[in-house]
C-alpha atoms as a PDB file:
ATOM      1  CA  UNK A   1       0.123  -0.161   0.128  1.00  0.00           C
ATOM      2  CA  UNK A   2       1.730   3.132  -1.327  1.00  0.00           C
ATOM      3  CA  UNK A   3       1.887   6.665   1.583  1.00  0.00           C
ATOM      4  CA  UNK A   4      -1.023   8.444  -0.546  1.00  0.00           C
ATOM      5  CA  UNK A   5      -3.138   4.799  -0.236  1.00  0.00           C
ATOM      6  CA  UNK A   6      -2.258   4.860   3.976  1.00  0.00           C
ATOM      7  CA  UNK A   7      -3.284   8.850   4.544  1.00  0.00           C
ATOM      8  CA  UNK A   8      -6.781   7.886   2.697  1.00  0.00           C
ATOM      9  CA  UNK A   9      -7.549   4.919   4.736  1.00  0.00           C
ATOM     10  CA  UNK A  10      -6.887   6.815   7.725  1.00  0.00           C
ATOM     11  CA  UNK A  11      -8.573   9.964   6.759  1.00  0.00           C
ATOM     12  CA  UNK A  12     -11.674   7.561   5.632  1.00  0.00           C
ATOM     13  CA  UNK A  13     -11.104   5.979   9.188  1.00  0.00           C
ATOM     14  CA  UNK A  14     -11.504   8.954  11.066  1.00  0.00           C
ATOM     15  CA  UNK A  15     -13.946  10.530   8.610  1.00  0.00           C
ATOM     16  CA  UNK A  16     -16.520   7.788  10.013  1.00  0.00           C
ATOM     17  CA  UNK A  17     -15.536   7.870  13.717  1.00  0.00           C
ATOM     18  CA  UNK A  18     -16.844  11.586  13.781  1.00  0.00           C
ATOM     19  CA  UNK A  19     -19.583  10.743  11.628  1.00  0.00           C
ATOM     20  CA  UNK A  20     -20.372   7.965  14.154  1.00  0.00           C
ATOM     21  CA  UNK A  21     -19.954   9.782  16.996  1.00  0.00           C
ATOM     22  CA  UNK A  22     -22.010  12.862  15.558  1.00  0.00           C
ATOM     23  CA  UNK A  23     -24.910  10.361  15.083  1.00  0.00           C
ATOM     24  CA  UNK A  24     -24.863  10.319  11.760  1.00  0.00           C
ATOM     25  CA  UNK A  25     -25.078   6.756  11.002  1.00  0.00           C
ATOM     26  CA  UNK A  26     -26.123   7.168   7.200  1.00  0.00           C
ATOM     27  CA  UNK A  27     -22.857   8.569   6.533  1.00  0.00           C
ATOM     28  CA  UNK A  28     -20.934   6.366   8.589  1.00  0.00           C
ATOM     29  CA  UNK A  29     -22.900   3.758   6.412  1.00  0.00           C
ATOM     30  CA  UNK A  30     -21.458   4.913   3.664  1.00  0.00           C
ATOM     31  CA  UNK A  31     -18.018   5.836   4.540  1.00  0.00           C
ATOM     32  CA  UNK A  32     -17.727   2.178   5.587  1.00  0.00           C
ATOM     33  CA  UNK A  33     -19.003   0.903   2.302  1.00  0.00           C
ATOM     34  CA  UNK A  34     -16.503   2.939   0.113  1.00  0.00           C
ATOM     35  CA  UNK A  35     -13.560   1.742   2.205  1.00  0.00           C
ATOM     36  CA  UNK A  36     -14.527  -1.606   1.956  1.00  0.00           C
ATOM     37  CA  UNK A  37     -15.352  -1.257  -1.461  1.00  0.00           C
ATOM     38  CA  UNK A  38     -11.899   0.365  -1.994  1.00  0.00           C
ATOM     39  CA  UNK A  39      -9.955  -2.280  -0.231  1.00  0.00           C
ATOM     40  CA  UNK A  40     -11.895  -5.344  -2.701  1.00  0.00           C
ATOM     41  CA  UNK A  41     -10.513  -3.029  -5.503  1.00  0.00           C
ATOM     42  CA  UNK A  42      -6.950  -2.677  -3.790  1.00  0.00           C
ATOM     43  CA  UNK A  43      -6.879  -6.877  -3.761  1.00  0.00           C
ATOM     44  CA  UNK A  44      -8.482  -7.188  -7.123  1.00  0.00           C
ATOM     45  CA  UNK A  45      -5.739  -4.940  -8.524  1.00  0.00           C
ATOM     46  CA  UNK A  46      -2.898  -6.236  -6.425  1.00  0.00           C
ATOM     47  CA  UNK A  47      -4.002 -10.288  -7.724  1.00  0.00           C
ATOM     48  CA  UNK A  48      -4.259  -9.002 -11.444  1.00  0.00           C
ATOM     49  CA  UNK A  49      -0.778  -7.493 -10.987  1.00  0.00           C
ATOM     50  CA  UNK A  50       0.601  -9.881  -9.203  1.00  0.00           C
ATOM     51  CA  UNK A  51      -0.551 -12.674 -12.095  1.00  0.00           C
ATOM     52  CA  UNK A  52       0.925 -11.026 -14.592  1.00  0.00           C
ATOM     53  CA  UNK A  53       4.390 -10.417 -12.656  1.00  0.00           C
ATOM     54  CA  UNK A  54       4.142 -14.461 -11.846  1.00  0.00           C
ATOM     55  CA  UNK A  55       3.492 -15.342 -15.769  1.00  0.00           C
ATOM     56  CA  UNK A  56       6.196 -12.941 -16.507  1.00  0.00           C
ATOM     57  CA  UNK A  57       8.561 -14.767 -13.965  1.00  0.00           C
ATOM     58  CA  UNK A  58       7.602 -17.882 -15.111  1.00  0.00           C
ATOM     59  CA  UNK A  59       8.423 -17.089 -18.914  1.00  0.00           C
ATOM     60  CA  UNK A  60      11.811 -15.536 -17.823  1.00  0.00           C
ATOM     61  CA  UNK A  61      12.709 -18.570 -16.083  1.00  0.00           C
ATOM     62  CA  UNK A  62      12.282 -20.352 -19.828  1.00  0.00           C
ATOM     63  CA  UNK A  63      14.635 -17.997 -21.272  1.00  0.00           C
ATOM     64  CA  UNK A  64      12.264 -15.051 -22.416  1.00  0.00           C
ATOM     65  CA  UNK A  65      14.488 -12.549 -20.737  1.00  0.00           C
ATOM     66  CA  UNK A  66      11.575  -9.854 -19.959  1.00  0.00           C
ATOM     67  CA  UNK A  67      12.115  -6.376 -18.136  1.00  0.00           C
ATOM     68  CA  UNK A  68       9.427  -6.046 -15.545  1.00  0.00           C
ATOM     69  CA  UNK A  69       8.503  -2.402 -14.265  1.00  0.00           C
ATOM     70  CA  UNK A  70       6.085  -1.106 -11.804  1.00  0.00           C
ATOM     71  CA  UNK A  71       4.823   2.307 -10.431  1.00  0.00           C
ATOM     72  CA  UNK A  72       2.347   2.472  -7.957  1.00  0.00           C
ATOM     73  CA  UNK A  73       1.041   5.837  -8.310  1.00  0.00           C
ATOM     74  CA  UNK A  74       0.103   5.940 -11.830  1.00  0.00           C
ATOM     75  CA  UNK A  75      -3.154   7.943 -13.322  1.00  0.00           C
ATOM     76  CA  UNK A  76      -4.573   7.312 -16.919  1.00  0.00           C
ATOM     77  CA  UNK A  77      -7.822   8.629 -18.406  1.00  0.00           C
ATOM     78  CA  UNK A  78     -11.106   6.095 -19.605  1.00  0.00           C
ATOM     79  CA  UNK A  79     -13.341   8.436 -21.244  1.00  0.00           C
ATOM     80  CA  UNK A  80     -13.382  11.810 -18.960  1.00  0.00           C
ATOM     81  CA  UNK A  81     -12.697  10.062 -15.904  1.00  0.00           C
ATOM     82  CA  UNK A  82      -9.068  10.137 -13.940  1.00  0.00           C
ATOM     83  CA  UNK A  83      -7.762   6.475 -12.855  1.00  0.00           C
ATOM     84  CA  UNK A  84      -5.380   6.955 -10.172  1.00  0.00           C
ATOM     85  CA  UNK A  85      -3.717   3.093  -9.634  1.00  0.00           C
ATOM     86  CA  UNK A  86      -0.669   1.217 -10.925  1.00  0.00           C
ATOM     87  CA  UNK A  87       1.224   0.202 -13.862  1.00  0.00           C
ATOM     88  CA  UNK A  88       3.232  -2.846 -14.738  1.00  0.00           C
ATOM     89  CA  UNK A  89       5.285  -2.118 -17.802  1.00  0.00           C
ATOM     90  CA  UNK A  90       6.845  -5.807 -19.582  1.00  0.00           C
ATOM     91  CA  UNK A  91       8.824  -5.034 -21.963  1.00  0.00           C
ATOM     92  CA  UNK A  92      11.194  -7.288 -24.225  1.00  0.00           C
ATOM     93  CA  UNK A  93      13.213  -5.298 -26.845  1.00  0.00           C
ATOM     94  CA  UNK A  94      11.049  -2.789 -28.665  1.00  0.00           C
ATOM     95  CA  UNK A  95       7.925  -4.592 -27.429  1.00  0.00           C
ATOM     96  CA  UNK A  96       6.324  -3.213 -24.454  1.00  0.00           C
ATOM     97  CA  UNK A  97       3.016  -4.667 -23.116  1.00  0.00           C
ATOM     98  CA  UNK A  98       1.358  -1.948 -19.997  1.00  0.00           C
ATOM     99  CA  UNK A  99      -1.396  -3.050 -17.868  1.00  0.00           C
ATOM    100  CA  UNK A 100      -3.175  -0.480 -16.033  1.00  0.00           C
ATOM    101  CA  UNK A 101      -5.780  -0.552 -13.767  1.00  0.00           C
ATOM    102  CA  UNK A 102      -7.329   1.482 -10.849  1.00  0.00           C
ATOM    103  CA  UNK A 103     -10.088   3.486 -10.094  1.00  0.00           C
ATOM    104  CA  UNK A 104     -10.864   7.362  -9.573  1.00  0.00           C
ATOM    105  CA  UNK A 105     -10.422   7.948  -6.211  1.00  0.00           C
ATOM    106  CA  UNK A 106     -11.763  12.160  -5.356  1.00  0.00           C
ATOM    107  CA  UNK A 107     -14.736  13.440  -7.072  1.00  0.00           C
ATOM    108  CA  UNK A 108     -13.094  15.394  -9.503  1.00  0.00           C
ATOM    109  CA  UNK A 109     -11.203  12.086 -10.934  1.00  0.00           C
ATOM    110  CA  UNK A 110     -14.411  10.941 -12.485  1.00  0.00           C
ATOM    111  CA  UNK A 111     -17.244  14.396 -13.488  1.00  0.00           C
ATOM    112  CA  UNK A 112     -19.859  12.783 -15.042  1.00  0.00           C
ATOM    113  CA  UNK A 113     -20.185   9.419 -13.648  1.00  0.00           C
ATOM    114  CA  UNK A 114     -18.922   9.277  -9.239  1.00  0.00           C
ATOM    115  CA  UNK A 115     -16.432   7.630  -7.988  1.00  0.00           C
ATOM    116  CA  UNK A 116     -18.444   4.234  -8.463  1.00  0.00           C
ATOM    117  CA  UNK A 117     -16.219   3.310 -11.800  1.00  0.00           C
ATOM    118  CA  UNK A 118     -13.168   1.220 -12.095  1.00  0.00           C
ATOM    119  CA  UNK A 119     -10.726   0.599 -15.064  1.00  0.00           C
ATOM    120  CA  UNK A 120      -8.476  -2.032 -16.500  1.00  0.00           C
ATOM    121  CA  UNK A 121      -6.516  -1.221 -19.338  1.00  0.00           C
ATOM    122  CA  UNK A 122      -4.272  -3.572 -21.032  1.00  0.00           C
ATOM    123  CA  UNK A 123      -2.121  -2.395 -24.222  1.00  0.00           C
ATOM    124  CA  UNK A 124       1.143  -1.922 -25.844  1.00  0.00           C
ATOM    125  CA  UNK A 125       3.582  -0.790 -28.307  1.00  0.00           C
ATOM    126  CA  UNK A 126       5.765  -2.090 -31.117  1.00  0.00           C
ATOM    127  CA  UNK A 127       4.119  -5.321 -32.916  1.00  0.00           C
ATOM    128  CA  UNK A 128       0.613  -5.267 -31.135  1.00  0.00           C
ATOM    129  CA  UNK A 129      -2.405  -4.482 -32.965  1.00  0.00           C
ATOM    130  CA  UNK A 130      -3.516  -0.693 -33.084  1.00  0.00           C
ATOM    131  CA  UNK A 131      -6.869   0.169 -31.211  1.00  0.00           C
ATOM    132  CA  UNK A 132      -8.632   0.231 -34.592  1.00  0.00           C
ATOM    133  CA  UNK A 133      -7.239  -2.747 -35.433  1.00  0.00           C
ATOM    134  CA  UNK A 134      -9.927  -5.964 -35.735  1.00  0.00           C
ATOM    135  CA  UNK A 135      -7.612  -7.978 -33.996  1.00  0.00           C
ATOM    136  CA  UNK A 136      -7.046  -6.274 -31.020  1.00  0.00           C
ATOM    137  CA  UNK A 137      -7.795  -7.970 -27.944  1.00  0.00           C
ATOM    138  CA  UNK A 138     -10.067  -6.664 -25.193  1.00  0.00           C
ATOM    139  CA  UNK A 139      -9.364  -7.839 -21.612  1.00  0.00           C
ATOM    140  CA  UNK A 140     -11.699 -10.107 -20.868  1.00  0.00           C
ATOM    141  CA  UNK A 141     -14.974  -9.224 -18.520  1.00  0.00           C
ATOM    142  CA  UNK A 142     -13.983 -12.025 -15.611  1.00  0.00           C
ATOM    143  CA  UNK A 143     -10.583 -10.311 -15.720  1.00  0.00           C
ATOM    144  CA  UNK A 144     -11.892  -6.807 -15.162  1.00  0.00           C
ATOM    145  CA  UNK A 145     -14.561  -8.071 -12.754  1.00  0.00           C
ATOM    146  CA  UNK A 146     -11.886  -9.936 -10.798  1.00  0.00           C
ATOM    147  CA  UNK A 147      -9.947  -6.896 -10.650  1.00  0.00           C
ATOM    148  CA  UNK A 148     -12.234  -4.540  -9.377  1.00  0.00           C
ATOM    149  CA  UNK A 149     -15.187  -6.787  -8.059  1.00  0.00           C
ATOM    150  CA  UNK A 150     -18.191  -5.156  -7.316  1.00  0.00           C
ATOM    151  CA  UNK A 151     -18.444  -2.175  -9.038  1.00  0.00           C
ATOM    152  CA  UNK A 152     -19.378  -1.318 -12.559  1.00  0.00           C
ATOM    153  CA  UNK A 153     -17.058   0.170 -15.003  1.00  0.00           C
ATOM    154  CA  UNK A 154     -15.513   0.000 -18.092  1.00  0.00           C
ATOM    155  CA  UNK A 155     -12.718  -2.295 -19.904  1.00  0.00           C
ATOM    156  CA  UNK A 156     -10.940  -1.311 -22.739  1.00  0.00           C
ATOM    157  CA  UNK A 157      -8.303  -3.365 -24.923  1.00  0.00           C
ATOM    158  CA  UNK A 158      -5.201  -2.455 -26.650  1.00  0.00           C
ATOM    159  CA  UNK A 159      -3.613   1.366 -27.021  1.00  0.00           C
ATOM    160  CA  UNK A 160      -0.548   3.176 -28.028  1.00  0.00           C
ATOM    161  CA  UNK A 161       1.428   4.319 -25.153  1.00  0.00           C
ATOM    162  CA  UNK A 162       0.400   8.273 -25.319  1.00  0.00           C
ATOM    163  CA  UNK A 163       3.914   9.661 -25.838  1.00  0.00           C
ATOM    164  CA  UNK A 164       4.077   7.375 -29.609  1.00  0.00           C
ATOM    165  CA  UNK A 165       2.831   9.082 -32.217  1.00  0.00           C
END
């Protein structure tokens, strides 16, 4: 858990405690639900990223020579929402696979749909299909649902990196 996640969890716990103390049960219940949903999202994302990392490690043990890099404070856009989460990059020469997973953390991250959304995106660079290519793969719904259980959201397929032409 990153420092940001820890600070957010502490702030939610404190707000829930104050709401219960003030007799605002509905608000306390909402904050408790929000905290449990965040925990489920975090657990799902950890599972998704560790699965890709383990598979890359297994491939490396048989000679694949994949480079593995991760970022814990990654921001990416899906539609008008800004997802905050993790980025895992698997590289082999000029080919790269990006796995992004996260959810909006504040109301301004998801201006049109609230904070119930979550997003997972798998894409690549190199000899991978582009989004308009009919061969482009889409992250299967069961994988996206496992990464972010219990909430509705959107999953997108392959994409080109933002800094590429």
